Amino acid sequence: MIQLIFEYGVEKVIIIVTGKDVRFGNIKYGNITTTIDGLRLDYNGVIREFPDLELNKNWRQDAIARFKKKIQGFENEQQIADYLIEDLKKFGYKLKGTQKKGFRTK
């Protein structure tokens, strides 16, 4: 298990990677996390990442399917974590800490 803690403005976002399972949460809501299916996706952000979905009625479902397929293509948790760190950095998220297998946050 790898836990990533990001700062986005005044919010603190947590991402937990366990195997191929990726869960997202916000620290202000406590220990409540969700999969990509439960997130509110920004249309403009999705179109910036996948321009071909602009005229697609099912843009949300297709974006989620692409994310899941991308995650399944990685070999281990560290590769998934590295991908998420680099991807979120583009959108202004700042990595504040990483915790692996319950050890202290770095």
Protein backbone atom coordinates (compact mmCIF):
# COMPACT_ATOMS: atom_id res chain seq x y z
CA MET A 1 0.00 0.00 0.00
CA ILE A 2 1.21 3.47 -0.95
CA GLN A 3 -0.52 6.56 0.36
CA LEU A 4 0.03 9.89 -1.40
CA ILE A 5 -0.89 13.20 0.21
CA PHE A 6 -1.31 16.20 -2.08
CA GLU A 7 -2.08 19.82 -1.47
CA TYR A 8 -4.32 21.66 -3.92
CA GLY A 9 -4.87 25.21 -2.79
CA VAL A 10 -6.20 24.88 0.76
CA GLU A 11 -7.40 21.30 0.26
CA LYS A 12 -5.45 18.18 1.19
CA VAL A 13 -6.14 15.24 -1.09
CA ILE A 14 -5.22 11.66 -0.31
CA ILE A 15 -4.72 8.83 -2.82
CA ILE A 16 -4.29 5.26 -1.64
CA VAL A 17 -2.84 2.68 -4.03
CA THR A 18 -3.29 -0.93 -2.96
CA GLY A 19 -2.27 -3.32 -5.71
CA LYS A 20 -4.22 -2.10 -8.75
CA ASP A 21 -6.93 -0.50 -6.60
CA VAL A 22 -6.71 3.30 -6.50
CA ARG A 23 -8.88 5.22 -4.01
CA PHE A 24 -9.26 8.98 -3.68
CA GLY A 25 -10.25 11.06 -0.68
CA ASN A 26 -10.12 14.48 0.91
CA ILE A 27 -8.62 14.79 4.39
CA LYS A 28 -11.37 17.14 5.59
CA TYR A 29 -13.86 14.27 5.19
CA GLY A 30 -11.82 11.89 7.32
CA ASN A 31 -11.21 8.34 6.18
CA ILE A 32 -13.83 8.36 3.43
CA THR A 33 -12.36 7.35 0.09
CA THR A 34 -13.85 6.40 -3.25
CA THR A 35 -12.76 4.90 -6.53
CA ILE A 36 -12.55 6.92 -9.73
CA ASP A 37 -16.23 6.09 -10.28
CA GLY A 38 -17.25 8.21 -7.29
CA LEU A 39 -15.29 11.32 -8.25
CA ARG A 40 -16.80 14.41 -9.76
CA LEU A 41 -14.88 14.86 -13.00
CA ASP A 42 -14.40 18.25 -14.63
CA TYR A 43 -15.50 18.19 -18.27
CA ASN A 44 -12.82 20.69 -19.34
CA GLY A 45 -10.10 18.71 -17.58
CA VAL A 46 -11.20 15.48 -19.25
CA ILE A 47 -11.31 17.15 -22.68
CA ARG A 48 -7.83 18.62 -22.12
CA GLU A 49 -6.55 15.09 -21.44
CA PHE A 50 -8.68 13.31 -24.08
CA PRO A 51 -9.64 15.77 -26.86
CA ASP A 52 -11.40 13.02 -28.83
CA LEU A 53 -14.13 12.80 -26.14
CA GLU A 54 -15.32 16.38 -26.71
CA LEU A 55 -18.45 15.46 -28.69
CA ASN A 56 -19.02 12.14 -26.93
CA LYS A 57 -22.19 11.92 -24.82
CA ASN A 58 -20.57 9.26 -22.61
CA TRP A 59 -17.38 11.26 -22.03
CA ARG A 60 -17.36 10.52 -18.29
CA GLN A 61 -17.70 6.75 -18.61
CA ASP A 62 -15.13 6.61 -21.39
CA ALA A 63 -12.62 8.70 -19.39
CA ILE A 64 -13.07 6.43 -16.36
CA ALA A 65 -12.60 3.33 -18.53
CA ARG A 66 -9.38 4.78 -19.97
CA PHE A 67 -8.07 5.58 -16.49
CA LYS A 68 -8.79 2.03 -15.29
CA LYS A 69 -7.15 0.53 -18.38
CA LYS A 70 -4.07 2.72 -17.85
CA ILE A 71 -3.81 1.61 -14.20
CA GLN A 72 -4.10 -2.06 -15.17
CA GLY A 73 -1.15 -1.62 -17.55
CA PHE A 74 1.28 -0.85 -14.72
CA GLU A 75 3.26 -3.65 -13.09
CA ASN A 76 3.29 -2.49 -9.46
CA GLU A 77 2.07 0.07 -6.94
CA GLN A 78 5.16 2.26 -7.28
CA GLN A 79 4.64 2.70 -11.02
CA ILE A 80 1.00 3.66 -10.42
CA ALA A 81 2.04 6.14 -7.71
CA ASP A 82 4.72 7.67 -9.96
CA TYR A 83 2.18 8.08 -12.77
CA LEU A 84 -0.34 9.77 -10.45
CA ILE A 85 2.29 12.12 -9.03
CA GLU A 86 3.42 13.25 -12.48
CA ASP A 87 -0.12 13.50 -13.85
CA LEU A 88 -1.48 15.54 -10.95
CA LYS A 89 1.56 17.82 -10.96
CA LYS A 90 0.36 19.13 -14.35
CA PHE A 91 -2.87 20.33 -12.74
CA GLY A 92 -1.28 22.15 -9.80
CA TYR A 93 -1.34 19.41 -7.13
CA LYS A 94 1.74 19.48 -4.89
CA LEU A 95 2.96 16.25 -3.30
CA LYS A 96 3.29 16.78 0.46
CA GLY A 97 3.99 13.25 1.63
CA THR A 98 4.26 9.59 0.75
CA GLN A 99 3.62 6.68 3.09
CA LYS A 100 4.47 3.11 2.16
CA LYS A 101 3.05 0.07 3.90
CA GLY A 102 2.11 1.99 7.04
CA PHE A 103 5.59 3.36 7.75
CA ARG A 104 6.23 7.00 8.54
CA THR A 105 5.32 9.63 5.99
CA LYS A 106 8.25 10.95 3.96
